[in-house]
Every structure is written in C-alpha cells, then in structure tokens.
Amino acid sequence: MRAGFARLLGDSAENIALGQNTHELVTRWLSALPLRDRPRLVITDAEFHSLRRQVDRLAEEGLEIVHVPARPVDTLTDRVVASLDSRTACVMLSSVLFETAEIVPGLESLAAACRRDGIPLLVDAYHQLNVVPFTLSGFEDVFVTGGGYKYCQLGEGNCFLRVPPDSRLRPVLTGWFTAFDSLEEVGNRRVAYGSGARAFGGATYDVTSHYRAAAVFDFFQEQGLTADRLRAINRYQVQLLKTEFERLDGPRHVAHVEPMPDERRGGFLAIRTNEAISVARRLRRHGVHCDARGDVLRLGPAPYLRDDQLRDAIRVLGDVLGFSNRIPL
C-alpha cells in the first residue's frame, strides 16, 4: 500500500507512514512541532472537519490559529505567505478544496516561502490523489497527507503521511512501531525514533484494510487506470455534468455552478444552492447518489458511469430543484 501511494506522489515507499485515518497522522505530526516556542498555526478557513475541529480545540488551549480566507483562491497562497512570522510553527492547507473541488494554485511559491523561513508545510491532498495528477517537483521537502476513501477507491482505514526523507521530527504522540530497531535499548534516557517516515509509526491496529487497498492498487495498474487517464475521464464527465446543468437554464438564485476556470476544477462538480442538504436527500430517493457540504451540492462522477446516466442525473436534479414539474418537491 505504501508503494501504491508513493506511485501517485512520484515518491519512494520508504517516505510513506501509514495510519487508519488522516487525523491520527496529523495529530502525531502536530505533536512533533515546537509549539512552546512557536505557538502559531496557519491554516485556511476551507479545511476538512478533522483538521478544523482539532485546531479549534487547540485554540481553546492557548495556541494561536490563523484562519486565512480561502477565497479568492487565486491569491490564497500569497495571503498565506503574508501571514507567516517567526512564531509560526507550521502551515496546513489543502491542494484541492473539499467543498468546491477548486485546485489551489501557487503551492510551489508557498513551499519556497516556508522553506526560507524554516516552517514545515503540510499539504492535504485527499481530494487530489488519483483524480488530479500530483507531483512532488518543487515540493520535495513538504509533508503530504491523504487516503484511500475518495478517488483511490481503497475504502476506510487506509491513510498516509508522506514525510521528507531528511526529516528529524520526533512526535510526542509516538507508538512502538517507530522503534523496531531499538526495542532492546530499554532504559535509554532519550526515546529512540526511526528516521524519516518511520518516526511517525503508530502502534498495533487491524491492518486488514491494507490488503484490500493493495489489491485495489494492483487492479488500477492492471487496467491502465493511471492518474493521467483518470483525470482525462473525470474532466470529460464533470464538463458533461456542467454543460447539462447549464442547459436547464434555471434561476441562478436557486442554484448555480460554483464559478472557477474549468482547468482548475477537481474531481466533482460543485453546485451552490441554499437547499443543498435537502436536495441531496431528495435526489437519493430518486436514485441519484451525491452529497452536500453546507450550501454546496457535490456531484462526483465515477469512471464506470455512462453519459446517459450522467444526463439522467442532471435531469432529475432539475426536477428536484423545481426547474420542471415532473417530480413533486
């Protein structure tokens, strides 16, 4: 499984630490930072709940949390760079926003600024891996987290933290997996760690899900489903959904496609509507499965769906939104 994630990152398996979820890996990473001396964390206001909730709780314990507004996304990384100072312990942000699927530009310049100031950068690539090609070129010294629950199709329990090979961080939250080579050295005054990604090993857990994940990675390779090929399929499908929705020509104040350049749209189509959660529930009753985050309806096509199925889904969406009268609200 480590090799599978490494392929998607263009990296080596030895730089991958595994966990059941990104939360356990990120909290382990946070525990390795010098928070007493640099008690300031910089994130955006568009991060997933596991990170947002955790840093909000850390704020209650006295850490300073800087929430940089994610929009406009065009200037997000510039504004993150402007927020850095000598008290900043880390920067954490997504490469693709989980609410709207917008790809964040300028990560290379942010990585360079963090490198210059000696600030660790953590990139959440969960909504990018295996649907938008990811490269570590220009990011060799950044930490990357993500998992298999989305586009990798690995199911639950399969997450990772990519660690730069020269990392010397020592997590306070540390399990015995990191010390396989030093278990005999009992009584040392200083806790021993493995190097690089090995320092972020946890402790005993049920790894059954990893066997499933490894089989899925093998299947993708056998079928030639590379990230580039999946990106091409996904862009075609998302554009089809967008075109069909815009053809409905419904009132914009009722629902509209989240505006962004098409080349910066990630793996799903985001439609903003005040009734997003209710609409998602009604769609499910009519056989259209999607989800909602706040006032954003997220339509994520899978590679195995046919064009007529995607068109039918948009037709049903139009009915549910009241753009026609075939389906009662």
Protein backbone atom coordinates (compact mmCIF):
# COMPACT_ATOMS: atom_id res chain seq x y z
CA MET A 1 0.00 0.00 0.00
CA ARG A 2 2.89 2.34 0.72
CA ALA A 3 4.19 1.69 -2.79
CA GLY A 4 0.76 2.49 -4.23
CA PHE A 5 0.58 5.88 -2.54
CA ALA A 6 4.21 6.55 -3.45
CA ARG A 7 3.44 5.98 -7.14
CA LEU A 8 0.68 8.59 -7.00
CA LEU A 9 3.09 11.07 -5.41
CA GLY A 10 6.10 10.23 -7.58
CA ASP A 11 7.96 9.29 -4.41
CA SER A 12 9.52 6.30 -2.65
CA ALA A 13 7.65 3.89 -0.40
CA GLU A 14 10.09 4.43 2.46
CA ASN A 15 8.82 8.03 2.74
CA ILE A 16 5.26 6.89 3.48
CA ALA A 17 3.88 6.42 7.01
CA LEU A 18 0.54 4.63 7.32
CA GLY A 19 -2.46 5.15 9.57
CA GLN A 20 -6.15 4.35 9.76
CA ASN A 21 -7.16 7.99 9.22
CA THR A 22 -5.52 11.31 8.48
CA HIS A 23 -6.48 12.67 11.91
CA GLU A 24 -4.19 10.29 13.79
CA LEU A 25 -1.33 11.08 11.41
CA VAL A 26 -1.80 14.84 11.52
CA THR A 27 -2.08 14.95 15.32
CA ARG A 28 1.10 12.87 15.51
CA TRP A 29 2.75 15.42 13.19
CA LEU A 30 1.50 18.38 15.21
CA SER A 31 2.90 16.82 18.37
CA ALA A 32 6.38 16.92 16.81
CA LEU A 33 6.36 20.71 16.31
CA PRO A 34 7.97 23.23 18.71
CA LEU A 35 4.64 24.63 19.87
CA ARG A 36 6.02 26.14 23.09
CA ASP A 37 8.42 28.36 21.16
CA ARG A 38 6.25 28.85 18.06
CA PRO A 39 2.62 28.60 19.19
CA ARG A 40 1.07 29.82 15.94
CA LEU A 41 -0.60 27.58 13.34
CA VAL A 42 -1.65 28.85 9.91
CA ILE A 43 -4.48 27.12 8.05
CA THR A 44 -7.27 28.22 5.71
CA ASP A 45 -10.95 28.55 6.51
CA ALA A 46 -11.79 25.81 4.00
CA GLU A 47 -10.12 22.77 5.56
CA PHE A 48 -11.85 19.48 6.24
CA HIS A 49 -13.60 18.98 9.59
CA SER A 50 -10.98 16.67 11.10
CA LEU A 51 -8.33 19.38 10.86
CA ARG A 52 -10.64 22.32 11.53
CA ARG A 53 -12.09 20.75 14.67
CA GLN A 54 -8.67 19.79 16.03
CA VAL A 55 -7.09 23.22 15.60
CA ASP A 56 -10.18 24.89 17.04
CA ARG A 57 -9.72 22.74 20.13
CA LEU A 58 -6.04 23.62 20.28
CA ALA A 59 -7.05 27.28 20.20
CA GLU A 60 -9.04 26.66 23.39
CA GLU A 61 -5.77 25.52 24.97
CA GLY A 62 -3.96 28.73 24.07
CA LEU A 63 -2.47 28.17 20.64
CA GLU A 64 -2.93 30.95 18.10
CA ILE A 65 -4.76 29.75 15.00
CA VAL A 66 -4.66 31.91 11.87
CA HIS A 67 -7.55 31.11 9.51
CA VAL A 68 -6.64 32.57 6.13
CA PRO A 69 -9.75 33.05 3.95
CA ALA A 70 -9.60 30.54 1.10
CA ARG A 71 -11.38 32.79 -1.38
CA PRO A 72 -10.47 34.17 -3.76
CA VAL A 73 -8.42 31.04 -4.39
CA ASP A 74 -6.26 32.82 -6.99
CA THR A 75 -4.47 34.73 -4.23
CA LEU A 76 -4.76 32.22 -1.40
CA THR A 77 -1.12 31.14 -1.24
CA ASP A 78 0.05 34.77 -1.47
CA ARG A 79 -2.08 35.63 1.54
CA VAL A 80 -0.81 32.58 3.44
CA VAL A 81 2.78 33.70 2.77
CA ALA A 82 1.93 37.21 4.02
CA SER A 83 0.62 35.72 7.27
CA LEU A 84 3.89 33.98 8.21
CA ASP A 85 6.08 35.24 11.03
CA SER A 86 8.78 33.98 13.39
CA ARG A 87 6.20 32.48 15.76
CA THR A 88 4.63 30.27 13.08
CA ALA A 89 5.07 26.57 13.81
CA CYS A 90 3.51 25.25 10.60
CA VAL A 91 1.25 25.83 7.62
CA MET A 92 -1.54 23.39 6.75
CA LEU A 93 -3.75 23.62 3.66
CA SER A 94 -5.43 21.51 1.00
CA SER A 95 -4.27 21.21 -2.58
CA VAL A 96 -7.93 20.84 -3.67
CA LEU A 97 -10.72 22.38 -1.58
CA PHE A 98 -13.07 19.69 -0.30
CA GLU A 99 -16.21 21.83 -0.55
CA THR A 100 -15.90 23.08 -4.12
CA ALA A 101 -13.17 20.94 -5.80
CA GLU A 102 -11.17 24.04 -6.72
CA ILE A 103 -7.48 23.31 -7.27
CA VAL A 104 -5.28 25.66 -5.23
CA PRO A 105 -2.61 27.34 -7.39
CA GLY A 106 0.79 28.60 -6.27
CA LEU A 107 1.79 25.84 -3.86
CA GLU A 108 5.35 25.96 -5.21
CA SER A 109 5.79 29.58 -4.10
CA LEU A 110 4.26 28.79 -0.71
CA ALA A 111 6.64 25.85 -0.28
CA ALA A 112 9.57 28.12 -1.14
CA ALA A 113 8.47 30.72 1.43
CA CYS A 114 8.06 28.06 4.13
CA ARG A 115 11.47 26.64 3.25
CA ARG A 116 13.04 30.09 3.53
CA ASP A 117 11.54 30.65 6.99
CA GLY A 118 12.08 27.12 8.28
CA ILE A 119 8.33 26.46 8.64
CA PRO A 120 7.02 22.92 7.99
CA LEU A 121 4.31 22.76 5.31
CA LEU A 122 1.61 20.08 5.36
CA VAL A 123 -0.47 19.63 2.19
CA ASP A 124 -3.76 17.74 2.40
CA ALA A 125 -4.02 16.01 -0.99
CA TYR A 126 -7.04 13.83 -0.16
CA HIS A 127 -9.21 15.40 -2.89
CA GLN A 128 -6.42 15.33 -5.47
CA LEU A 129 -4.88 11.88 -5.44
CA ASN A 130 -5.92 9.62 -8.31
CA VAL A 131 -8.19 12.19 -9.95
CA VAL A 132 -5.81 15.14 -10.49
CA PRO A 133 -2.16 14.17 -11.08
CA PHE A 134 0.11 15.18 -8.20
CA THR A 135 3.82 15.83 -8.41
CA LEU A 136 6.36 16.48 -5.69
CA SER A 137 8.51 18.52 -8.06
CA GLY A 138 9.15 21.70 -6.12
CA PHE A 139 7.64 20.06 -3.03
CA GLU A 140 10.36 17.62 -2.06
CA ASP A 141 10.58 18.99 1.48
CA VAL A 142 6.85 19.13 2.23
CA PHE A 143 4.67 16.77 4.20
CA VAL A 144 1.64 15.38 2.36
CA THR A 145 -1.36 13.58 3.80
CA GLY A 146 -4.29 11.83 2.20
CA GLY A 147 -6.04 8.50 2.00
CA GLY A 148 -7.97 5.94 0.07
CA TYR A 149 -11.57 6.75 0.91
CA LYS A 150 -12.14 9.00 -2.12
CA TYR A 151 -10.75 8.60 -5.61
CA CYS A 152 -8.30 5.84 -4.77
CA GLN A 153 -11.30 3.58 -4.00
CA LEU A 154 -9.43 1.77 -1.22
CA GLY A 155 -12.16 2.05 1.40
CA GLU A 156 -11.79 3.05 5.03
CA GLY A 157 -8.71 2.52 7.16
CA ASN A 158 -6.10 3.41 4.53
CA CYS A 159 -4.40 6.77 5.04
CA PHE A 160 -0.84 8.04 4.81
CA LEU A 161 1.57 10.78 5.73
CA ARG A 162 4.36 11.48 3.28
CA VAL A 163 7.49 12.54 5.18
CA PRO A 164 10.56 14.20 3.62
CA PRO A 165 13.45 11.73 3.84
CA ASP A 166 15.66 14.16 5.78
CA SER A 167 13.01 14.89 8.43
CA ARG A 168 14.27 14.72 12.02
CA LEU A 169 10.94 15.40 13.73
CA ARG A 170 10.21 13.43 16.91
CA PRO A 171 6.45 13.16 17.56
CA VAL A 172 5.39 13.36 21.19
CA LEU A 173 2.47 11.08 20.30
CA THR A 174 4.59 8.07 19.43
CA GLY A 175 3.89 4.36 19.14
CA TRP A 176 6.19 1.41 19.31
CA PHE A 177 6.10 0.83 15.54
CA THR A 178 8.70 3.56 15.11
CA ALA A 179 11.29 1.75 17.20
CA PHE A 180 11.53 -1.75 15.72
CA ASP A 181 15.32 -1.47 15.52
CA SER A 182 15.80 -0.23 19.06
CA LEU A 183 13.35 -2.20 21.21
CA GLU A 184 16.24 -3.83 23.04
CA GLU A 185 17.60 -0.49 24.14
CA VAL A 186 15.38 -0.32 27.19
CA GLY A 187 16.37 2.25 29.79
CA ASN A 188 17.78 4.89 27.44
CA ARG A 189 17.12 8.36 28.80
CA ARG A 190 16.16 9.67 25.34
CA VAL A 191 13.37 7.97 23.38
CA ALA A 192 14.69 6.47 20.15
CA TYR A 193 12.99 7.05 16.79
CA GLY A 194 13.32 5.65 13.33
CA SER A 195 14.38 8.07 10.63
CA GLY A 196 12.12 9.94 8.21
CA ALA A 197 8.68 8.39 7.84
CA ARG A 198 9.48 5.66 10.35
CA ALA A 199 9.39 8.26 13.12
CA PHE A 200 5.64 8.57 12.52
CA GLY A 201 4.79 4.94 13.06
CA GLY A 202 1.86 4.30 15.38
CA ALA A 203 1.03 1.17 17.30
CA THR A 204 -0.87 -2.08 16.81
CA TYR A 205 -4.09 -1.89 14.78
CA ASP A 206 -6.11 -4.09 12.43
CA VAL A 207 -4.37 -3.88 9.05
CA THR A 208 -6.92 -5.99 7.14
CA SER A 209 -7.99 -2.93 5.15
CA HIS A 210 -4.44 -2.60 3.80
CA TYR A 211 -4.72 -5.95 2.00
CA ARG A 212 -7.85 -4.69 0.25
CA ALA A 213 -6.04 -1.46 -0.62
CA ALA A 214 -3.05 -3.28 -2.09
CA ALA A 215 -5.41 -5.37 -4.26
CA VAL A 216 -7.19 -2.23 -5.50
CA PHE A 217 -3.87 -0.58 -6.37
CA ASP A 218 -2.95 -3.72 -8.34
CA PHE A 219 -6.30 -3.61 -10.16
CA PHE A 220 -5.81 0.02 -11.19
CA GLN A 221 -2.39 -0.82 -12.58
CA GLU A 222 -3.69 -3.88 -14.46
CA GLN A 223 -6.45 -1.78 -16.07
CA GLY A 224 -4.08 1.04 -17.02
CA LEU A 225 -6.02 3.45 -14.83
CA THR A 226 -3.23 5.92 -14.28
CA ALA A 227 -3.83 9.29 -12.66
CA ASP A 228 -3.48 10.96 -16.07
CA ARG A 229 -6.07 8.69 -17.67
CA LEU A 230 -8.47 9.09 -14.75
CA ARG A 231 -8.03 12.86 -14.93
CA ALA A 232 -9.00 12.85 -18.61
CA ILE A 233 -12.09 10.73 -17.94
CA ASN A 234 -13.09 12.87 -14.97
CA ARG A 235 -12.67 16.18 -16.77
CA TYR A 236 -14.90 14.94 -19.59
CA GLN A 237 -17.55 13.73 -17.14
CA VAL A 238 -17.52 16.86 -14.97
CA GLN A 239 -17.76 19.04 -18.07
CA LEU A 240 -20.71 16.96 -19.26
CA LEU A 241 -22.47 17.47 -15.92
CA LYS A 242 -21.75 21.20 -16.04
CA THR A 243 -22.98 21.59 -19.62
CA GLU A 244 -26.17 19.64 -18.94
CA PHE A 245 -26.90 21.62 -15.78
CA GLU A 246 -26.39 24.95 -17.52
CA ARG A 247 -28.74 23.82 -20.30
CA LEU A 248 -31.51 23.60 -17.71
CA ASP A 249 -31.28 27.39 -17.60
CA GLY A 250 -32.76 27.55 -14.11
CA PRO A 251 -32.83 30.67 -11.93
CA ARG A 252 -29.29 31.42 -10.73
CA HIS A 253 -30.53 32.43 -7.28
CA VAL A 254 -31.94 28.91 -6.83
CA ALA A 255 -28.81 27.01 -7.90
CA HIS A 256 -25.67 27.69 -9.90
CA VAL A 257 -22.37 26.04 -10.69
CA GLU A 258 -19.57 27.28 -8.46
CA PRO A 259 -17.55 29.55 -10.75
CA MET A 260 -13.89 28.71 -11.45
CA PRO A 261 -11.71 28.07 -14.51
CA ASP A 262 -12.51 24.62 -15.89
CA GLU A 263 -8.86 23.59 -15.76
CA ARG A 264 -8.87 24.32 -12.02
CA ARG A 265 -11.90 22.15 -11.29
CA GLY A 266 -11.05 18.96 -9.42
CA GLY A 267 -12.91 15.68 -9.22
CA PHE A 268 -16.51 16.81 -8.79
CA LEU A 269 -18.98 19.48 -9.85
CA ALA A 270 -19.98 21.88 -7.08
CA ILE A 271 -23.44 23.44 -7.33
CA ARG A 272 -24.28 26.12 -4.82
CA THR A 273 -27.84 26.13 -3.54
CA ASN A 274 -29.37 27.10 -0.21
CA GLU A 275 -31.17 23.75 -0.05
CA ALA A 276 -28.14 21.58 -0.81
CA ILE A 277 -28.60 19.08 2.03
CA SER A 278 -32.33 18.71 1.38
CA VAL A 279 -31.75 18.40 -2.37
CA ALA A 280 -29.16 15.64 -1.83
CA ARG A 281 -31.67 13.68 0.26
CA ARG A 282 -34.40 14.07 -2.35
CA LEU A 283 -32.02 13.05 -5.12
CA ARG A 284 -31.20 9.83 -3.28
CA ARG A 285 -34.90 8.96 -3.17
CA HIS A 286 -34.85 9.13 -6.98
CA GLY A 287 -31.71 7.02 -7.40
CA VAL A 288 -29.15 9.82 -7.74
CA HIS A 289 -26.42 9.49 -5.13
CA CYS A 290 -24.41 12.59 -4.21
CA ASP A 291 -23.63 14.57 -1.08
CA ALA A 292 -23.69 18.12 0.26
CA ARG A 293 -21.44 20.33 2.36
CA GLY A 294 -23.25 23.36 3.73
CA ASP A 295 -24.85 25.09 0.76
CA VAL A 296 -22.81 23.16 -1.84
CA LEU A 297 -24.14 20.10 -3.64
CA ARG A 298 -21.28 17.86 -4.78
CA LEU A 299 -21.76 15.69 -7.89
CA GLY A 300 -18.84 13.29 -8.26
CA PRO A 301 -18.94 11.05 -11.35
CA ALA A 302 -17.24 7.66 -11.31
CA PRO A 303 -15.26 6.36 -14.31
CA TYR A 304 -17.69 3.49 -14.88
CA LEU A 305 -20.78 5.72 -15.33
CA ARG A 306 -22.21 6.16 -18.83
CA ASP A 307 -23.01 9.52 -20.40
CA ASP A 308 -26.74 8.80 -20.41
CA GLN A 309 -26.64 8.09 -16.68
CA LEU A 310 -24.97 11.45 -16.04
CA ARG A 311 -27.52 13.24 -18.21
CA ASP A 312 -30.36 11.48 -16.40
CA ALA A 313 -28.92 12.58 -13.05
CA ILE A 314 -28.96 16.22 -14.13
CA ARG A 315 -32.49 15.88 -15.45
CA VAL A 316 -33.62 14.57 -12.06
CA LEU A 317 -31.71 17.37 -10.33
CA GLY A 318 -33.54 19.92 -12.44
CA ASP A 319 -36.86 18.35 -11.47
CA VAL A 320 -35.97 18.34 -7.76
CA LEU A 321 -34.89 21.98 -7.91
CA GLY A 322 -38.25 22.89 -9.43
CA PHE A 323 -36.92 23.70 -12.89
CA SER A 324 -39.72 21.42 -14.17
CA ASN A 325 -42.79 19.78 -12.63
CA ARG A 326 -42.25 16.08 -13.26
CA ILE A 327 -41.18 15.22 -9.71
CA PRO A 328 -43.00 16.65 -6.67
CA LEU A 329 -40.81 18.57 -4.24
